[in-house]
Amino acid sequence: MEAPPGLQLLHSLENSVPGGTSIFMDSFKAVELLKQQYPEDYDILTKVPNTFHDRNADHHLHYNRTTIVL
């Protein structure tokens, strides 16, 4: 839990949604667009760390890292 997966692959054999609509997105493309259109925001997300938490009845896990990891 300290280091969440850096890459997840999702594979769909058949899409039942008409028109190809999907709730999934290309995060690499989204980050590239952010970098091009909002360079100051991109810079902040690559340099300012955030603390992420996962709390349940038995554990409290936390990890500090930037939102966008280069």
PDB file of N, CA and C in Angstrom:
ATOM      1  N   MET A   1       0.815  -1.205   0.000  1.00  0.00           N
ATOM      2  CA  MET A   1       0.000   0.000   0.000  1.00  0.00           C
ATOM      3  C   MET A   1       0.854   1.263   0.000  1.00  0.00           C
ATOM      4  N   GLU A   2       2.138   1.148   0.295  1.00  0.00           N
ATOM      5  CA  GLU A   2       2.955   2.353   0.318  1.00  0.00           C
ATOM      6  C   GLU A   2       3.127   2.940  -1.070  1.00  0.00           C
ATOM      7  N   ALA A   3       3.331   2.089  -2.057  1.00  0.00           N
ATOM      8  CA  ALA A   3       3.523   2.563  -3.429  1.00  0.00           C
ATOM      9  C   ALA A   3       2.438   1.957  -4.326  1.00  0.00           C
ATOM     10  N   PRO A   4       1.379   2.703  -4.590  1.00  0.00           N
ATOM     11  CA  PRO A   4       0.326   2.164  -5.455  1.00  0.00           C
ATOM     12  C   PRO A   4       0.861   1.880  -6.853  1.00  0.00           C
ATOM     13  N   PRO A   5       0.180   1.047  -7.618  1.00  0.00           N
ATOM     14  CA  PRO A   5       0.673   0.689  -8.945  1.00  0.00           C
ATOM     15  C   PRO A   5       0.910   1.921  -9.811  1.00  0.00           C
ATOM     16  N   GLY A   6       2.028   1.938 -10.496  1.00  0.00           N
ATOM     17  CA  GLY A   6       2.323   3.039 -11.396  1.00  0.00           C
ATOM     18  C   GLY A   6       1.668   2.844 -12.746  1.00  0.00           C
ATOM     19  N   LEU A   7       1.301   1.612 -13.054  1.00  0.00           N
ATOM     20  CA  LEU A   7       0.697   1.309 -14.345  1.00  0.00           C
ATOM     21  C   LEU A   7      -0.345   0.230 -14.154  1.00  0.00           C
ATOM     22  N   GLN A   8      -1.529   0.469 -14.667  1.00  0.00           N
ATOM     23  CA  GLN A   8      -2.586  -0.530 -14.640  1.00  0.00           C
ATOM     24  C   GLN A   8      -3.092  -0.710 -16.060  1.00  0.00           C
ATOM     25  N   LEU A   9      -3.230  -1.942 -16.482  1.00  0.00           N
ATOM     26  CA  LEU A   9      -3.730  -2.235 -17.818  1.00  0.00           C
ATOM     27  C   LEU A   9      -5.146  -2.768 -17.722  1.00  0.00           C
ATOM     28  N   LEU A  10      -6.044  -2.203 -18.513  1.00  0.00           N
ATOM     29  CA  LEU A  10      -7.423  -2.651 -18.549  1.00  0.00           C
ATOM     30  C   LEU A  10      -7.713  -3.125 -19.964  1.00  0.00           C
ATOM     31  N   HIS A  11      -8.329  -4.270 -20.063  1.00  0.00           N
ATOM     32  CA  HIS A  11      -8.594  -4.854 -21.379  1.00  0.00           C
ATOM     33  C   HIS A  11     -10.070  -5.200 -21.477  1.00  0.00           C
ATOM     34  N   SER A  12     -10.719  -4.735 -22.527  1.00  0.00           N
ATOM     35  CA  SER A  12     -12.133  -5.013 -22.735  1.00  0.00           C
ATOM     36  C   SER A  12     -12.297  -5.803 -24.024  1.00  0.00           C
ATOM     37  N   LEU A  13     -12.896  -6.968 -23.920  1.00  0.00           N
ATOM     38  CA  LEU A  13     -13.140  -7.777 -25.102  1.00  0.00           C
ATOM     39  C   LEU A  13     -14.368  -7.296 -25.857  1.00  0.00           C
ATOM     40  N   GLU A  14     -15.316  -6.719 -25.124  1.00  0.00           N
ATOM     41  CA  GLU A  14     -16.549  -6.264 -25.757  1.00  0.00           C
ATOM     42  C   GLU A  14     -17.078  -5.072 -24.982  1.00  0.00           C
ATOM     43  N   ASN A  15     -17.470  -4.036 -25.702  1.00  0.00           N
ATOM     44  CA  ASN A  15     -18.030  -2.848 -25.076  1.00  0.00           C
ATOM     45  C   ASN A  15     -19.528  -2.825 -25.359  1.00  0.00           C
ATOM     46  N   SER A  16     -20.336  -2.839 -24.308  1.00  0.00           N
ATOM     47  CA  SER A  16     -21.786  -2.878 -24.480  1.00  0.00           C
ATOM     48  C   SER A  16     -22.408  -1.482 -24.531  1.00  0.00           C
ATOM     49  N   VAL A  17     -21.587  -0.447 -24.453  1.00  0.00           N
ATOM     50  CA  VAL A  17     -22.099   0.923 -24.455  1.00  0.00           C
ATOM     51  C   VAL A  17     -22.212   1.421 -25.892  1.00  0.00           C
ATOM     52  N   PRO A  18     -23.374   1.913 -26.293  1.00  0.00           N
ATOM     53  CA  PRO A  18     -23.515   2.406 -27.671  1.00  0.00           C
ATOM     54  C   PRO A  18     -22.645   3.647 -27.910  1.00  0.00           C
ATOM     55  N   GLY A  19     -22.086   3.732 -29.099  1.00  0.00           N
ATOM     56  CA  GLY A  19     -21.312   4.920 -29.468  1.00  0.00           C
ATOM     57  C   GLY A  19     -19.887   4.920 -28.967  1.00  0.00           C
ATOM     58  N   GLY A  20     -19.456   3.875 -28.298  1.00  0.00           N
ATOM     59  CA  GLY A  20     -18.075   3.794 -27.831  1.00  0.00           C
ATOM     60  C   GLY A  20     -17.783   4.597 -26.579  1.00  0.00           C
ATOM     61  N   THR A  21     -18.805   5.115 -25.907  1.00  0.00           N
ATOM     62  CA  THR A  21     -18.601   5.886 -24.690  1.00  0.00           C
ATOM     63  C   THR A  21     -17.972   5.008 -23.619  1.00  0.00           C
ATOM     64  N   SER A  22     -17.035   5.579 -22.889  1.00  0.00           N
ATOM     65  CA  SER A  22     -16.338   4.827 -21.850  1.00  0.00           C
ATOM     66  C   SER A  22     -16.061   5.730 -20.667  1.00  0.00           C
ATOM     67  N   ILE A  23     -16.021   5.156 -19.463  1.00  0.00           N
ATOM     68  CA  ILE A  23     -15.668   5.939 -18.280  1.00  0.00           C
ATOM     69  C   ILE A  23     -14.156   5.990 -18.081  1.00  0.00           C
ATOM     70  N   PHE A  24     -13.408   5.240 -18.890  1.00  0.00           N
ATOM     71  CA  PHE A  24     -11.958   5.217 -18.773  1.00  0.00           C
ATOM     72  C   PHE A  24     -11.343   6.300 -19.646  1.00  0.00           C
ATOM     73  N   MET A  25     -10.158   6.751 -19.281  1.00  0.00           N
ATOM     74  CA  MET A  25      -9.494   7.781 -20.070  1.00  0.00           C
ATOM     75  C   MET A  25      -8.004   7.499 -20.152  1.00  0.00           C
ATOM     76  N   ASP A  26      -7.370   8.137 -21.063  1.00  0.00           N
ATOM     77  CA  ASP A  26      -5.932   8.022 -21.255  1.00  0.00           C
ATOM     78  C   ASP A  26      -5.261   9.056 -20.358  1.00  0.00           C
ATOM     79  N   SER A  27      -4.776   8.629 -19.198  1.00  0.00           N
ATOM     80  CA  SER A  27      -4.203   9.581 -18.245  1.00  0.00           C
ATOM     81  C   SER A  27      -2.919  10.206 -18.778  1.00  0.00           C
ATOM     82  N   PHE A  28      -2.178   9.490 -19.600  1.00  0.00           N
ATOM     83  CA  PHE A  28      -0.962  10.073 -20.175  1.00  0.00           C
ATOM     84  C   PHE A  28      -1.318  11.246 -21.085  1.00  0.00           C
ATOM     85  N   LYS A  29      -2.383  11.094 -21.874  1.00  0.00           N
ATOM     86  CA  LYS A  29      -2.845  12.173 -22.746  1.00  0.00           C
ATOM     87  C   LYS A  29      -3.366  13.337 -21.912  1.00  0.00           C
ATOM     88  N   ALA A  30      -4.096  13.042 -20.848  1.00  0.00           N
ATOM     89  CA  ALA A  30      -4.625  14.095 -19.979  1.00  0.00           C
ATOM     90  C   ALA A  30      -3.498  14.909 -19.357  1.00  0.00           C
ATOM     91  N   VAL A  31      -2.436  14.236 -18.913  1.00  0.00           N
ATOM     92  CA  VAL A  31      -1.292  14.933 -18.320  1.00  0.00           C
ATOM     93  C   VAL A  31      -0.570  15.771 -19.379  1.00  0.00           C
ATOM     94  N   GLU A  32      -0.443  15.252 -20.591  1.00  0.00           N
ATOM     95  CA  GLU A  32       0.200  16.000 -21.664  1.00  0.00           C
ATOM     96  C   GLU A  32      -0.597  17.264 -22.003  1.00  0.00           C
ATOM     97  N   LEU A  33      -1.924  17.142 -22.061  1.00  0.00           N
ATOM     98  CA  LEU A  33      -2.766  18.318 -22.313  1.00  0.00           C
ATOM     99  C   LEU A  33      -2.651  19.333 -21.175  1.00  0.00           C
ATOM    100  N   LEU A  34      -2.629  18.846 -19.942  1.00  0.00           N
ATOM    101  CA  LEU A  34      -2.454  19.731 -18.788  1.00  0.00           C
ATOM    102  C   LEU A  34      -1.130  20.475 -18.896  1.00  0.00           C
ATOM    103  N   LYS A  35      -0.077  19.768 -19.252  1.00  0.00           N
ATOM    104  CA  LYS A  35       1.262  20.361 -19.390  1.00  0.00           C
ATOM    105  C   LYS A  35       1.270  21.451 -20.464  1.00  0.00           C
ATOM    106  N   GLN A  36       0.578  21.211 -21.578  1.00  0.00           N
ATOM    107  CA  GLN A  36       0.542  22.180 -22.678  1.00  0.00           C
ATOM    108  C   GLN A  36      -0.344  23.386 -22.366  1.00  0.00           C
ATOM    109  N   GLN A  37      -1.513  23.134 -21.797  1.00  0.00           N
ATOM    110  CA  GLN A  37      -2.503  24.195 -21.620  1.00  0.00           C
ATOM    111  C   GLN A  37      -2.388  24.945 -20.296  1.00  0.00           C
ATOM    112  N   TYR A  38      -1.891  24.248 -19.266  1.00  0.00           N
ATOM    113  CA  TYR A  38      -1.776  24.858 -17.930  1.00  0.00           C
ATOM    114  C   TYR A  38      -0.421  24.507 -17.327  1.00  0.00           C
ATOM    115  N   PRO A  39       0.666  25.028 -17.892  1.00  0.00           N
ATOM    116  CA  PRO A  39       2.004  24.629 -17.442  1.00  0.00           C
ATOM    117  C   PRO A  39       2.291  24.923 -15.965  1.00  0.00           C
ATOM    118  N   GLU A  40       1.725  26.004 -15.429  1.00  0.00           N
ATOM    119  CA  GLU A  40       1.966  26.311 -14.013  1.00  0.00           C
ATOM    120  C   GLU A  40       1.298  25.277 -13.105  1.00  0.00           C
ATOM    121  N   ASP A  41       0.083  24.885 -13.448  1.00  0.00           N
ATOM    122  CA  ASP A  41      -0.613  23.858 -12.661  1.00  0.00           C
ATOM    123  C   ASP A  41       0.121  22.517 -12.763  1.00  0.00           C
ATOM    124  N   TYR A  42       0.553  22.184 -13.975  1.00  0.00           N
ATOM    125  CA  TYR A  42       1.325  20.952 -14.184  1.00  0.00           C
ATOM    126  C   TYR A  42       2.580  20.967 -13.306  1.00  0.00           C
ATOM    127  N   ASP A  43       3.276  22.090 -13.286  1.00  0.00           N
ATOM    128  CA  ASP A  43       4.499  22.210 -12.495  1.00  0.00           C
ATOM    129  C   ASP A  43       4.229  21.974 -11.013  1.00  0.00           C
ATOM    130  N   ILE A  44       3.134  22.541 -10.514  1.00  0.00           N
ATOM    131  CA  ILE A  44       2.769  22.358  -9.103  1.00  0.00           C
ATOM    132  C   ILE A  44       2.501  20.877  -8.817  1.00  0.00           C
ATOM    133  N   LEU A  45       1.740  20.213  -9.689  1.00  0.00           N
ATOM    134  CA  LEU A  45       1.389  18.806  -9.463  1.00  0.00           C
ATOM    135  C   LEU A  45       2.578  17.872  -9.572  1.00  0.00           C
ATOM    136  N   THR A  46       3.666  18.309 -10.211  1.00  0.00           N
ATOM    137  CA  THR A  46       4.872  17.473 -10.306  1.00  0.00           C
ATOM    138  C   THR A  46       5.881  17.780  -9.211  1.00  0.00           C
ATOM    139  N   LYS A  47       5.666  18.866  -8.456  1.00  0.00           N
ATOM    140  CA  LYS A  47       6.667  19.264  -7.451  1.00  0.00           C
ATOM    141  C   LYS A  47       6.171  19.302  -6.007  1.00  0.00           C
ATOM    142  N   VAL A  48       4.876  19.544  -5.808  1.00  0.00           N
ATOM    143  CA  VAL A  48       4.348  19.683  -4.445  1.00  0.00           C
ATOM    144  C   VAL A  48       3.760  18.353  -3.996  1.00  0.00           C
ATOM    145  N   PRO A  49       4.336  17.741  -2.965  1.00  0.00           N
ATOM    146  CA  PRO A  49       3.819  16.444  -2.506  1.00  0.00           C
ATOM    147  C   PRO A  49       2.496  16.570  -1.749  1.00  0.00           C
ATOM    148  N   ASN A  50       1.710  15.512  -1.830  1.00  0.00           N
ATOM    149  CA  ASN A  50       0.447  15.374  -1.103  1.00  0.00           C
ATOM    150  C   ASN A  50       0.526  14.125  -0.249  1.00  0.00           C
ATOM    151  N   THR A  51      -0.209  14.109   0.836  1.00  0.00           N
ATOM    152  CA  THR A  51      -0.278  12.917   1.671  1.00  0.00           C
ATOM    153  C   THR A  51      -1.571  12.180   1.351  1.00  0.00           C
ATOM    154  N   PHE A  52      -1.453  10.914   0.976  1.00  0.00           N
ATOM    155  CA  PHE A  52      -2.588  10.063   0.657  1.00  0.00           C
ATOM    156  C   PHE A  52      -2.839   9.128   1.840  1.00  0.00           C
ATOM    157  N   HIS A  53      -4.098   8.913   2.176  1.00  0.00           N
ATOM    158  CA  HIS A  53      -4.462   8.075   3.317  1.00  0.00           C
ATOM    159  C   HIS A  53      -5.401   6.950   2.896  1.00  0.00           C
ATOM    160  N   ASP A  54      -5.271   5.830   3.585  1.00  0.00           N
ATOM    161  CA  ASP A  54      -6.226   4.726   3.471  1.00  0.00           C
ATOM    162  C   ASP A  54      -6.478   4.239   4.886  1.00  0.00           C
ATOM    163  N   ARG A  55      -7.678   4.509   5.392  1.00  0.00           N
ATOM    164  CA  ARG A  55      -8.008   4.137   6.773  1.00  0.00           C
ATOM    165  C   ARG A  55      -9.107   3.093   6.769  1.00  0.00           C
ATOM    166  N   ASN A  56      -8.913   2.065   7.586  1.00  0.00           N
ATOM    167  CA  ASN A  56      -9.979   1.102   7.837  1.00  0.00           C
ATOM    168  C   ASN A  56      -9.910   0.713   9.306  1.00  0.00           C
ATOM    169  N   ALA A  57     -10.665  -0.266   9.715  1.00  0.00           N
ATOM    170  CA  ALA A  57     -10.770  -0.617  11.141  1.00  0.00           C
ATOM    171  C   ALA A  57      -9.429  -1.006  11.759  1.00  0.00           C
ATOM    172  N   ASP A  58      -8.563  -1.657  10.998  1.00  0.00           N
ATOM    173  CA  ASP A  58      -7.325  -2.186  11.568  1.00  0.00           C
ATOM    174  C   ASP A  58      -6.059  -1.425  11.186  1.00  0.00           C
ATOM    175  N   HIS A  59      -6.119  -0.614  10.164  1.00  0.00           N
ATOM    176  CA  HIS A  59      -4.891   0.016   9.668  1.00  0.00           C
ATOM    177  C   HIS A  59      -5.115   1.467   9.267  1.00  0.00           C
ATOM    178  N   HIS A  60      -4.055   2.227   9.346  1.00  0.00           N
ATOM    179  CA  HIS A  60      -4.027   3.576   8.776  1.00  0.00           C
ATOM    180  C   HIS A  60      -2.734   3.670   7.977  1.00  0.00           C
ATOM    181  N   LEU A  61      -2.877   3.580   6.673  1.00  0.00           N
ATOM    182  CA  LEU A  61      -1.725   3.661   5.784  1.00  0.00           C
ATOM    183  C   LEU A  61      -1.666   5.048   5.173  1.00  0.00           C
ATOM    184  N   HIS A  62      -0.475   5.582   5.048  1.00  0.00           N
ATOM    185  CA  HIS A  62      -0.332   6.892   4.410  1.00  0.00           C
ATOM    186  C   HIS A  62       0.961   6.941   3.627  1.00  0.00           C
ATOM    187  N   TYR A  63       0.939   7.778   2.594  1.00  0.00           N
ATOM    188  CA  TYR A  63       2.082   7.889   1.696  1.00  0.00           C
ATOM    189  C   TYR A  63       2.145   9.323   1.200  1.00  0.00           C
ATOM    190  N   ASN A  64       3.331   9.886   1.139  1.00  0.00           N
ATOM    191  CA  ASN A  64       3.509  11.262   0.711  1.00  0.00           C
ATOM    192  C   ASN A  64       4.263  11.275  -0.610  1.00  0.00           C
ATOM    193  N   ARG A  65       3.622  11.826  -1.659  1.00  0.00           N
ATOM    194  CA  ARG A  65       4.260  11.925  -2.975  1.00  0.00           C
ATOM    195  C   ARG A  65       3.537  12.966  -3.814  1.00  0.00           C
ATOM    196  N   THR A  66       4.122  13.310  -4.939  1.00  0.00           N
ATOM    197  CA  THR A  66       3.470  14.264  -5.827  1.00  0.00           C
ATOM    198  C   THR A  66       2.293  13.591  -6.534  1.00  0.00           C
ATOM    199  N   THR A  67       1.345  14.395  -7.003  1.00  0.00           N
ATOM    200  CA  THR A  67       0.189  13.860  -7.707  1.00  0.00           C
ATOM    201  C   THR A  67       0.611  13.268  -9.040  1.00  0.00           C
ATOM    202  N   ILE A  68       1.483  13.975  -9.773  1.00  0.00           N
ATOM    203  CA  ILE A  68       2.036  13.472 -11.025  1.00  0.00           C
ATOM    204  C   ILE A  68       3.488  13.094 -10.757  1.00  0.00           C
ATOM    205  N   VAL A  69       3.790  11.820 -10.943  1.00  0.00           N
ATOM    206  CA  VAL A  69       5.155  11.328 -10.717  1.00  0.00           C
ATOM    207  C   VAL A  69       5.823  11.168 -12.073  1.00  0.00           C
ATOM    208  N   LEU A  70       6.917  11.867 -12.271  1.00  0.00           N
ATOM    209  CA  LEU A  70       7.627  11.795 -13.560  1.00  0.00           C
ATOM    210  C   LEU A  70       8.612  10.647 -13.575  1.00  0.00           C
TER     211      LEU A  70
END
